[in-house]
Amino acid sequence: MFVNLQEITGLIAAILTTCSFMPQVYRTWKIKSALSLSWHMLIISSTAALVWLCYGIILKDKIIILSNSIMGLLQASLIFLKFSLRKNT
């Protein structure tokens, strides 16, 4: 079996990048406070995930599409928590 180093590197980067927001979503949900979340960070990272998703669609790159779809969902979760927990922020 031929291993494509480029795809493996991209997959590892995508997994790590995607997983980097999971602890923040969990922590925000667990402590029921979004006070520490910056609106600027949420807007910038959500926009970045959307642009990367578009880029992945243009390239038809499944790794980019999947990882940024998940990132978008994680970002949407944080934005939802920021709105729904605003009495604590």
PDB file of N, CA and C in Angstrom:
ATOM      1  N   MET A   1       0.836  -1.185   0.000  1.00  0.00           N
ATOM      2  CA  MET A   1       0.000   0.000   0.000  1.00  0.00           C
ATOM      3  C   MET A   1       0.875   1.240   0.000  1.00  0.00           C
ATOM      4  N   PHE A   2       0.585   2.156  -0.902  1.00  0.00           N
ATOM      5  CA  PHE A   2       1.341   3.396  -1.005  1.00  0.00           C
ATOM      6  C   PHE A   2       0.762   4.430  -0.045  1.00  0.00           C
ATOM      7  N   VAL A   3       1.617   4.983   0.794  1.00  0.00           N
ATOM      8  CA  VAL A   3       1.184   5.981   1.755  1.00  0.00           C
ATOM      9  C   VAL A   3       1.523   7.361   1.200  1.00  0.00           C
ATOM     10  N   ASN A   4       0.499   8.206   1.081  1.00  0.00           N
ATOM     11  CA  ASN A   4       0.688   9.558   0.576  1.00  0.00           C
ATOM     12  C   ASN A   4       0.995  10.471   1.762  1.00  0.00           C
ATOM     13  N   LEU A   5       2.244  10.896   1.893  1.00  0.00           N
ATOM     14  CA  LEU A   5       2.685  11.711   3.012  1.00  0.00           C
ATOM     15  C   LEU A   5       1.911  13.030   3.082  1.00  0.00           C
ATOM     16  N   GLN A   6       1.595  13.597   1.947  1.00  0.00           N
ATOM     17  CA  GLN A   6       0.857  14.862   1.908  1.00  0.00           C
ATOM     18  C   GLN A   6      -0.531  14.698   2.532  1.00  0.00           C
ATOM     19  N   GLU A   7      -1.229  13.631   2.188  1.00  0.00           N
ATOM     20  CA  GLU A   7      -2.569  13.400   2.735  1.00  0.00           C
ATOM     21  C   GLU A   7      -2.520  13.079   4.222  1.00  0.00           C
ATOM     22  N   ILE A   8      -1.542  12.296   4.636  1.00  0.00           N
ATOM     23  CA  ILE A   8      -1.415  11.956   6.053  1.00  0.00           C
ATOM     24  C   ILE A   8      -1.108  13.203   6.876  1.00  0.00           C
ATOM     25  N   THR A   9      -0.223  14.045   6.375  1.00  0.00           N
ATOM     26  CA  THR A   9       0.098  15.290   7.070  1.00  0.00           C
ATOM     27  C   THR A   9      -1.136  16.179   7.181  1.00  0.00           C
ATOM     28  N   GLY A  10      -1.880  16.310   6.098  1.00  0.00           N
ATOM     29  CA  GLY A  10      -3.113  17.103   6.107  1.00  0.00           C
ATOM     30  C   GLY A  10      -4.147  16.533   7.059  1.00  0.00           C
ATOM     31  N   LEU A  11      -4.276  15.214   7.090  1.00  0.00           N
ATOM     32  CA  LEU A  11      -5.232  14.568   7.978  1.00  0.00           C
ATOM     33  C   LEU A  11      -4.879  14.806   9.446  1.00  0.00           C
ATOM     34  N   ILE A  12      -3.610  14.660   9.785  1.00  0.00           N
ATOM     35  CA  ILE A  12      -3.171  14.900  11.164  1.00  0.00           C
ATOM     36  C   ILE A  12      -3.428  16.358  11.553  1.00  0.00           C
ATOM     37  N   ALA A  13      -3.076  17.288  10.677  1.00  0.00           N
ATOM     38  CA  ALA A  13      -3.311  18.710  10.957  1.00  0.00           C
ATOM     39  C   ALA A  13      -4.799  18.994  11.125  1.00  0.00           C
ATOM     40  N   ALA A  14      -5.619  18.406  10.274  1.00  0.00           N
ATOM     41  CA  ALA A  14      -7.067  18.623  10.344  1.00  0.00           C
ATOM     42  C   ALA A  14      -7.645  18.079  11.649  1.00  0.00           C
ATOM     43  N   ILE A  15      -7.208  16.901  12.050  1.00  0.00           N
ATOM     44  CA  ILE A  15      -7.695  16.300  13.297  1.00  0.00           C
ATOM     45  C   ILE A  15      -7.299  17.164  14.490  1.00  0.00           C
ATOM     46  N   LEU A  16      -6.043  17.576  14.543  1.00  0.00           N
ATOM     47  CA  LEU A  16      -5.583  18.386  15.670  1.00  0.00           C
ATOM     48  C   LEU A  16      -6.274  19.745  15.722  1.00  0.00           C
ATOM     49  N   THR A  17      -6.435  20.378  14.573  1.00  0.00           N
ATOM     50  CA  THR A  17      -7.104  21.678  14.532  1.00  0.00           C
ATOM     51  C   THR A  17      -8.554  21.551  14.966  1.00  0.00           C
ATOM     52  N   THR A  18      -9.226  20.539  14.465  1.00  0.00           N
ATOM     53  CA  THR A  18     -10.623  20.326  14.816  1.00  0.00           C
ATOM     54  C   THR A  18     -10.778  20.022  16.303  1.00  0.00           C
ATOM     55  N   CYS A  19      -9.918  19.167  16.813  1.00  0.00           N
ATOM     56  CA  CYS A  19      -9.991  18.786  18.224  1.00  0.00           C
ATOM     57  C   CYS A  19      -9.633  19.939  19.163  1.00  0.00           C
ATOM     58  N   SER A  20      -8.928  20.933  18.668  1.00  0.00           N
ATOM     59  CA  SER A  20      -8.495  22.024  19.539  1.00  0.00           C
ATOM     60  C   SER A  20      -9.669  22.832  20.104  1.00  0.00           C
ATOM     61  N   PHE A  21     -10.813  22.828  19.440  1.00  0.00           N
ATOM     62  CA  PHE A  21     -11.965  23.578  19.942  1.00  0.00           C
ATOM     63  C   PHE A  21     -12.889  22.738  20.817  1.00  0.00           C
ATOM     64  N   MET A  22     -12.736  21.425  20.804  1.00  0.00           N
ATOM     65  CA  MET A  22     -13.613  20.568  21.595  1.00  0.00           C
ATOM     66  C   MET A  22     -13.525  20.850  23.099  1.00  0.00           C
ATOM     67  N   PRO A  23     -12.329  21.027  23.663  1.00  0.00           N
ATOM     68  CA  PRO A  23     -12.267  21.344  25.099  1.00  0.00           C
ATOM     69  C   PRO A  23     -12.972  22.658  25.449  1.00  0.00           C
ATOM     70  N   GLN A  24     -12.907  23.644  24.559  1.00  0.00           N
ATOM     71  CA  GLN A  24     -13.570  24.928  24.828  1.00  0.00           C
ATOM     72  C   GLN A  24     -15.079  24.777  24.826  1.00  0.00           C
ATOM     73  N   VAL A  25     -15.608  24.016  23.872  1.00  0.00           N
ATOM     74  CA  VAL A  25     -17.059  23.781  23.828  1.00  0.00           C
ATOM     75  C   VAL A  25     -17.488  23.040  25.095  1.00  0.00           C
ATOM     76  N   TYR A  26     -16.752  22.014  25.457  1.00  0.00           N
ATOM     77  CA  TYR A  26     -17.095  21.230  26.655  1.00  0.00           C
ATOM     78  C   TYR A  26     -17.033  22.095  27.912  1.00  0.00           C
ATOM     79  N   ARG A  27     -15.965  22.868  28.058  1.00  0.00           N
ATOM     80  CA  ARG A  27     -15.794  23.705  29.251  1.00  0.00           C
ATOM     81  C   ARG A  27     -16.899  24.745  29.343  1.00  0.00           C
ATOM     82  N   THR A  28     -17.207  25.391  28.238  1.00  0.00           N
ATOM     83  CA  THR A  28     -18.251  26.411  28.239  1.00  0.00           C
ATOM     84  C   THR A  28     -19.594  25.811  28.626  1.00  0.00           C
ATOM     85  N   TRP A  29     -19.888  24.640  28.084  1.00  0.00           N
ATOM     86  CA  TRP A  29     -21.140  23.959  28.414  1.00  0.00           C
ATOM     87  C   TRP A  29     -21.151  23.517  29.880  1.00  0.00           C
ATOM     88  N   LYS A  30     -20.030  22.987  30.350  1.00  0.00           N
ATOM     89  CA  LYS A  30     -19.960  22.450  31.712  1.00  0.00           C
ATOM     90  C   LYS A  30     -20.099  23.539  32.769  1.00  0.00           C
ATOM     91  N   ILE A  31     -19.393  24.664  32.593  1.00  0.00           N
ATOM     92  CA  ILE A  31     -19.446  25.712  33.614  1.00  0.00           C
ATOM     93  C   ILE A  31     -20.625  26.675  33.400  1.00  0.00           C
ATOM     94  N   LYS A  32     -21.335  26.493  32.295  1.00  0.00           N
ATOM     95  CA  LYS A  32     -22.515  27.304  31.975  1.00  0.00           C
ATOM     96  C   LYS A  32     -22.194  28.800  31.953  1.00  0.00           C
ATOM     97  N   SER A  33     -21.017  29.108  31.403  1.00  0.00           N
ATOM     98  CA  SER A  33     -20.625  30.506  31.251  1.00  0.00           C
ATOM     99  C   SER A  33     -19.788  30.656  29.988  1.00  0.00           C
ATOM    100  N   ALA A  34     -20.099  31.694  29.239  1.00  0.00           N
ATOM    101  CA  ALA A  34     -19.342  31.993  28.022  1.00  0.00           C
ATOM    102  C   ALA A  34     -18.601  33.319  28.169  1.00  0.00           C
ATOM    103  N   LEU A  35     -18.413  33.742  29.403  1.00  0.00           N
ATOM    104  CA  LEU A  35     -17.771  35.017  29.675  1.00  0.00           C
ATOM    105  C   LEU A  35     -16.374  35.106  29.062  1.00  0.00           C
ATOM    106  N   SER A  36     -15.652  34.017  29.084  1.00  0.00           N
ATOM    107  CA  SER A  36     -14.277  34.029  28.583  1.00  0.00           C
ATOM    108  C   SER A  36     -14.180  34.000  27.060  1.00  0.00           C
ATOM    109  N   LEU A  37     -15.298  33.809  26.383  1.00  0.00           N
ATOM    110  CA  LEU A  37     -15.273  33.742  24.921  1.00  0.00           C
ATOM    111  C   LEU A  37     -15.319  35.132  24.311  1.00  0.00           C
ATOM    112  N   SER A  38     -14.393  35.402  23.449  1.00  0.00           N
ATOM    113  CA  SER A  38     -14.326  36.675  22.749  1.00  0.00           C
ATOM    114  C   SER A  38     -15.179  36.614  21.487  1.00  0.00           C
ATOM    115  N   TRP A  39     -16.029  37.624  21.296  1.00  0.00           N
ATOM    116  CA  TRP A  39     -16.811  37.692  20.066  1.00  0.00           C
ATOM    117  C   TRP A  39     -15.903  37.790  18.857  1.00  0.00           C
ATOM    118  N   HIS A  40     -14.819  38.529  18.983  1.00  0.00           N
ATOM    119  CA  HIS A  40     -13.886  38.665  17.858  1.00  0.00           C
ATOM    120  C   HIS A  40     -13.314  37.306  17.453  1.00  0.00           C
ATOM    121  N   MET A  41     -12.906  36.514  18.448  1.00  0.00           N
ATOM    122  CA  MET A  41     -12.366  35.180  18.167  1.00  0.00           C
ATOM    123  C   MET A  41     -13.423  34.310  17.499  1.00  0.00           C
ATOM    124  N   LEU A  42     -14.642  34.355  18.001  1.00  0.00           N
ATOM    125  CA  LEU A  42     -15.707  33.531  17.432  1.00  0.00           C
ATOM    126  C   LEU A  42     -16.006  33.916  15.988  1.00  0.00           C
ATOM    127  N   ILE A  43     -16.071  35.201  15.711  1.00  0.00           N
ATOM    128  CA  ILE A  43     -16.366  35.665  14.356  1.00  0.00           C
ATOM    129  C   ILE A  43     -15.226  35.326  13.398  1.00  0.00           C
ATOM    130  N   ILE A  44     -13.999  35.581  13.836  1.00  0.00           N
ATOM    131  CA  ILE A  44     -12.846  35.306  12.973  1.00  0.00           C
ATOM    132  C   ILE A  44     -12.700  33.812  12.710  1.00  0.00           C
ATOM    133  N   SER A  45     -12.783  32.989  13.744  1.00  0.00           N
ATOM    134  CA  SER A  45     -12.598  31.551  13.546  1.00  0.00           C
ATOM    135  C   SER A  45     -13.762  30.934  12.772  1.00  0.00           C
ATOM    136  N   SER A  46     -14.974  31.441  12.957  1.00  0.00           N
ATOM    137  CA  SER A  46     -16.119  30.941  12.177  1.00  0.00           C
ATOM    138  C   SER A  46     -15.968  31.309  10.708  1.00  0.00           C
ATOM    139  N   THR A  47     -15.531  32.530  10.464  1.00  0.00           N
ATOM    140  CA  THR A  47     -15.309  32.969   9.083  1.00  0.00           C
ATOM    141  C   THR A  47     -14.196  32.148   8.437  1.00  0.00           C
ATOM    142  N   ALA A  48     -13.131  31.909   9.189  1.00  0.00           N
ATOM    143  CA  ALA A  48     -12.020  31.104   8.670  1.00  0.00           C
ATOM    144  C   ALA A  48     -12.481  29.697   8.312  1.00  0.00           C
ATOM    145  N   ALA A  49     -13.287  29.080   9.179  1.00  0.00           N
ATOM    146  CA  ALA A  49     -13.786  27.733   8.902  1.00  0.00           C
ATOM    147  C   ALA A  49     -14.658  27.729   7.648  1.00  0.00           C
ATOM    148  N   LEU A  50     -15.474  28.762   7.480  1.00  0.00           N
ATOM    149  CA  LEU A  50     -16.323  28.853   6.293  1.00  0.00           C
ATOM    150  C   LEU A  50     -15.493  29.020   5.017  1.00  0.00           C
ATOM    151  N   VAL A  51     -14.478  29.872   5.069  1.00  0.00           N
ATOM    152  CA  VAL A  51     -13.619  30.073   3.893  1.00  0.00           C
ATOM    153  C   VAL A  51     -12.836  28.805   3.581  1.00  0.00           C
ATOM    154  N   TRP A  52     -12.320  28.137   4.603  1.00  0.00           N
ATOM    155  CA  TRP A  52     -11.615  26.873   4.384  1.00  0.00           C
ATOM    156  C   TRP A  52     -12.560  25.823   3.801  1.00  0.00           C
ATOM    157  N   LEU A  53     -13.797  25.808   4.273  1.00  0.00           N
ATOM    158  CA  LEU A  53     -14.785  24.867   3.731  1.00  0.00           C
ATOM    159  C   LEU A  53     -15.013  25.137   2.245  1.00  0.00           C
ATOM    160  N   CYS A  54     -15.184  26.390   1.891  1.00  0.00           N
ATOM    161  CA  CYS A  54     -15.351  26.755   0.469  1.00  0.00           C
ATOM    162  C   CYS A  54     -14.129  26.332  -0.342  1.00  0.00           C
ATOM    163  N   TYR A  55     -12.956  26.563   0.206  1.00  0.00           N
ATOM    164  CA  TYR A  55     -11.707  26.176  -0.458  1.00  0.00           C
ATOM    165  C   TYR A  55     -11.669  24.659  -0.668  1.00  0.00           C
ATOM    166  N   GLY A  56     -12.047  23.910   0.359  1.00  0.00           N
ATOM    167  CA  GLY A  56     -12.083  22.455   0.240  1.00  0.00           C
ATOM    168  C   GLY A  56     -13.062  21.976  -0.804  1.00  0.00           C
ATOM    169  N   ILE A  57     -14.209  22.648  -0.888  1.00  0.00           N
ATOM    170  CA  ILE A  57     -15.206  22.290  -1.898  1.00  0.00           C
ATOM    171  C   ILE A  57     -14.657  22.568  -3.293  1.00  0.00           C
ATOM    172  N   ILE A  58     -14.000  23.720  -3.459  1.00  0.00           N
ATOM    173  CA  ILE A  58     -13.410  24.062  -4.757  1.00  0.00           C
ATOM    174  C   ILE A  58     -12.382  23.008  -5.166  1.00  0.00           C
ATOM    175  N   LEU A  59     -11.545  22.583  -4.205  1.00  0.00           N
ATOM    176  CA  LEU A  59     -10.507  21.583  -4.495  1.00  0.00           C
ATOM    177  C   LEU A  59     -11.041  20.148  -4.491  1.00  0.00           C
ATOM    178  N   LYS A  60     -12.273  19.984  -4.005  1.00  0.00           N
ATOM    179  CA  LYS A  60     -12.858  18.640  -3.821  1.00  0.00           C
ATOM    180  C   LYS A  60     -11.983  17.792  -2.895  1.00  0.00           C
ATOM    181  N   ASP A  61     -11.507  18.433  -1.831  1.00  0.00           N
ATOM    182  CA  ASP A  61     -10.632  17.780  -0.856  1.00  0.00           C
ATOM    183  C   ASP A  61     -11.464  17.360   0.355  1.00  0.00           C
ATOM    184  N   LYS A  62     -11.671  16.062   0.502  1.00  0.00           N
ATOM    185  CA  LYS A  62     -12.535  15.534   1.554  1.00  0.00           C
ATOM    186  C   LYS A  62     -12.026  15.874   2.953  1.00  0.00           C
ATOM    187  N   ILE A  63     -10.721  15.884   3.146  1.00  0.00           N
ATOM    188  CA  ILE A  63     -10.159  16.184   4.468  1.00  0.00           C
ATOM    189  C   ILE A  63     -10.487  17.621   4.864  1.00  0.00           C
ATOM    190  N   ILE A  64     -10.269  18.550   3.960  1.00  0.00           N
ATOM    191  CA  ILE A  64     -10.557  19.959   4.250  1.00  0.00           C
ATOM    192  C   ILE A  64     -12.050  20.164   4.460  1.00  0.00           C
ATOM    193  N   ILE A  65     -12.866  19.539   3.641  1.00  0.00           N
ATOM    194  CA  ILE A  65     -14.322  19.678   3.756  1.00  0.00           C
ATOM    195  C   ILE A  65     -14.807  19.136   5.094  1.00  0.00           C
ATOM    196  N   LEU A  66     -14.400  17.933   5.445  1.00  0.00           N
ATOM    197  CA  LEU A  66     -14.865  17.308   6.689  1.00  0.00           C
ATOM    198  C   LEU A  66     -14.388  18.071   7.915  1.00  0.00           C
ATOM    199  N   SER A  67     -13.094  18.384   7.964  1.00  0.00           N
ATOM    200  CA  SER A  67     -12.571  19.040   9.161  1.00  0.00           C
ATOM    201  C   SER A  67     -13.192  20.420   9.362  1.00  0.00           C
ATOM    202  N   ASN A  68     -13.404  21.158   8.295  1.00  0.00           N
ATOM    203  CA  ASN A  68     -13.964  22.497   8.460  1.00  0.00           C
ATOM    204  C   ASN A  68     -15.473  22.479   8.627  1.00  0.00           C
ATOM    205  N   SER A  69     -16.131  21.438   8.196  1.00  0.00           N
ATOM    206  CA  SER A  69     -17.547  21.271   8.522  1.00  0.00           C
ATOM    207  C   SER A  69     -17.696  21.049  10.026  1.00  0.00           C
ATOM    208  N   ILE A  70     -16.845  20.205  10.577  1.00  0.00           N
ATOM    209  CA  ILE A  70     -16.870  19.957  12.020  1.00  0.00           C
ATOM    210  C   ILE A  70     -16.481  21.221  12.783  1.00  0.00           C
ATOM    211  N   MET A  71     -15.456  21.922  12.300  1.00  0.00           N
ATOM    212  CA  MET A  71     -15.057  23.189  12.942  1.00  0.00           C
ATOM    213  C   MET A  71     -16.219  24.174  12.932  1.00  0.00           C
ATOM    214  N   GLY A  72     -16.927  24.254  11.820  1.00  0.00           N
ATOM    215  CA  GLY A  72     -18.082  25.140  11.739  1.00  0.00           C
ATOM    216  C   GLY A  72     -19.148  24.787  12.764  1.00  0.00           C
ATOM    217  N   LEU A  73     -19.381  23.494  12.948  1.00  0.00           N
ATOM    218  CA  LEU A  73     -20.355  23.053  13.949  1.00  0.00           C
ATOM    219  C   LEU A  73     -19.896  23.391  15.357  1.00  0.00           C
ATOM    220  N   LEU A  74     -18.607  23.215  15.624  1.00  0.00           N
ATOM    221  CA  LEU A  74     -18.073  23.564  16.941  1.00  0.00           C
ATOM    222  C   LEU A  74     -18.181  25.071  17.183  1.00  0.00           C
ATOM    223  N   GLN A  75     -17.861  25.853  16.160  1.00  0.00           N
ATOM    224  CA  GLN A  75     -17.981  27.307  16.277  1.00  0.00           C
ATOM    225  C   GLN A  75     -19.443  27.713  16.486  1.00  0.00           C
ATOM    226  N   ALA A  76     -20.340  27.083  15.734  1.00  0.00           N
ATOM    227  CA  ALA A  76     -21.768  27.371  15.896  1.00  0.00           C
ATOM    228  C   ALA A  76     -22.223  27.028  17.311  1.00  0.00           C
ATOM    229  N   SER A  77     -21.692  25.947  17.868  1.00  0.00           N
ATOM    230  CA  SER A  77     -22.023  25.564  19.247  1.00  0.00           C
ATOM    231  C   SER A  77     -21.577  26.639  20.226  1.00  0.00           C
ATOM    232  N   LEU A  78     -20.359  27.149  20.030  1.00  0.00           N
ATOM    233  CA  LEU A  78     -19.860  28.198  20.919  1.00  0.00           C
ATOM    234  C   LEU A  78     -20.674  29.486  20.784  1.00  0.00           C
ATOM    235  N   ILE A  79     -21.047  29.829  19.564  1.00  0.00           N
ATOM    236  CA  ILE A  79     -21.868  31.025  19.356  1.00  0.00           C
ATOM    237  C   ILE A  79     -23.241  30.845  20.008  1.00  0.00           C
ATOM    238  N   PHE A  80     -23.829  29.655  19.856  1.00  0.00           N
ATOM    239  CA  PHE A  80     -25.105  29.358  20.497  1.00  0.00           C
ATOM    240  C   PHE A  80     -24.985  29.487  22.011  1.00  0.00           C
ATOM    241  N   LEU A  81     -23.911  28.913  22.572  1.00  0.00           N
ATOM    242  CA  LEU A  81     -23.709  29.006  24.022  1.00  0.00           C
ATOM    243  C   LEU A  81     -23.495  30.455  24.455  1.00  0.00           C
ATOM    244  N   LYS A  82     -22.768  31.210  23.666  1.00  0.00           N
ATOM    245  CA  LYS A  82     -22.533  32.631  23.989  1.00  0.00           C
ATOM    246  C   LYS A  82     -23.869  33.379  24.049  1.00  0.00           C
ATOM    247  N   PHE A  83     -24.765  33.105  23.101  1.00  0.00           N
ATOM    248  CA  PHE A  83     -26.087  33.750  23.125  1.00  0.00           C
ATOM    249  C   PHE A  83     -26.954  33.218  24.258  1.00  0.00           C
ATOM    250  N   SER A  84     -27.024  31.906  24.396  1.00  0.00           N
ATOM    251  CA  SER A  84     -27.951  31.311  25.358  1.00  0.00           C
ATOM    252  C   SER A  84     -27.500  31.511  26.807  1.00  0.00           C
ATOM    253  N   LEU A  85     -26.231  31.704  27.031  1.00  0.00           N
ATOM    254  CA  LEU A  85     -25.717  31.916  28.389  1.00  0.00           C
ATOM    255  C   LEU A  85     -25.387  33.377  28.647  1.00  0.00           C
ATOM    256  N   ARG A  86     -25.952  34.268  27.857  1.00  0.00           N
ATOM    257  CA  ARG A  86     -25.564  35.677  27.947  1.00  0.00           C
ATOM    258  C   ARG A  86     -25.861  36.306  29.302  1.00  0.00           C
ATOM    259  N   LYS A  87     -26.764  35.741  30.077  1.00  0.00           N
ATOM    260  CA  LYS A  87     -26.992  36.263  31.423  1.00  0.00           C
ATOM    261  C   LYS A  87     -25.746  36.088  32.294  1.00  0.00           C
ATOM    262  N   ASN A  88     -24.882  35.127  31.888  1.00  0.00           N
ATOM    263  CA  ASN A  88     -23.642  34.877  32.624  1.00  0.00           C
ATOM    264  C   ASN A  88     -22.432  35.566  31.986  1.00  0.00           C
ATOM    265  N   THR A  89     -22.652  36.264  30.876  1.00  0.00           N
ATOM    266  CA  THR A  89     -21.505  36.880  30.188  1.00  0.00           C
ATOM    267  C   THR A  89     -21.519  38.383  30.322  1.00  0.00           C
TER     268      THR A  89
END
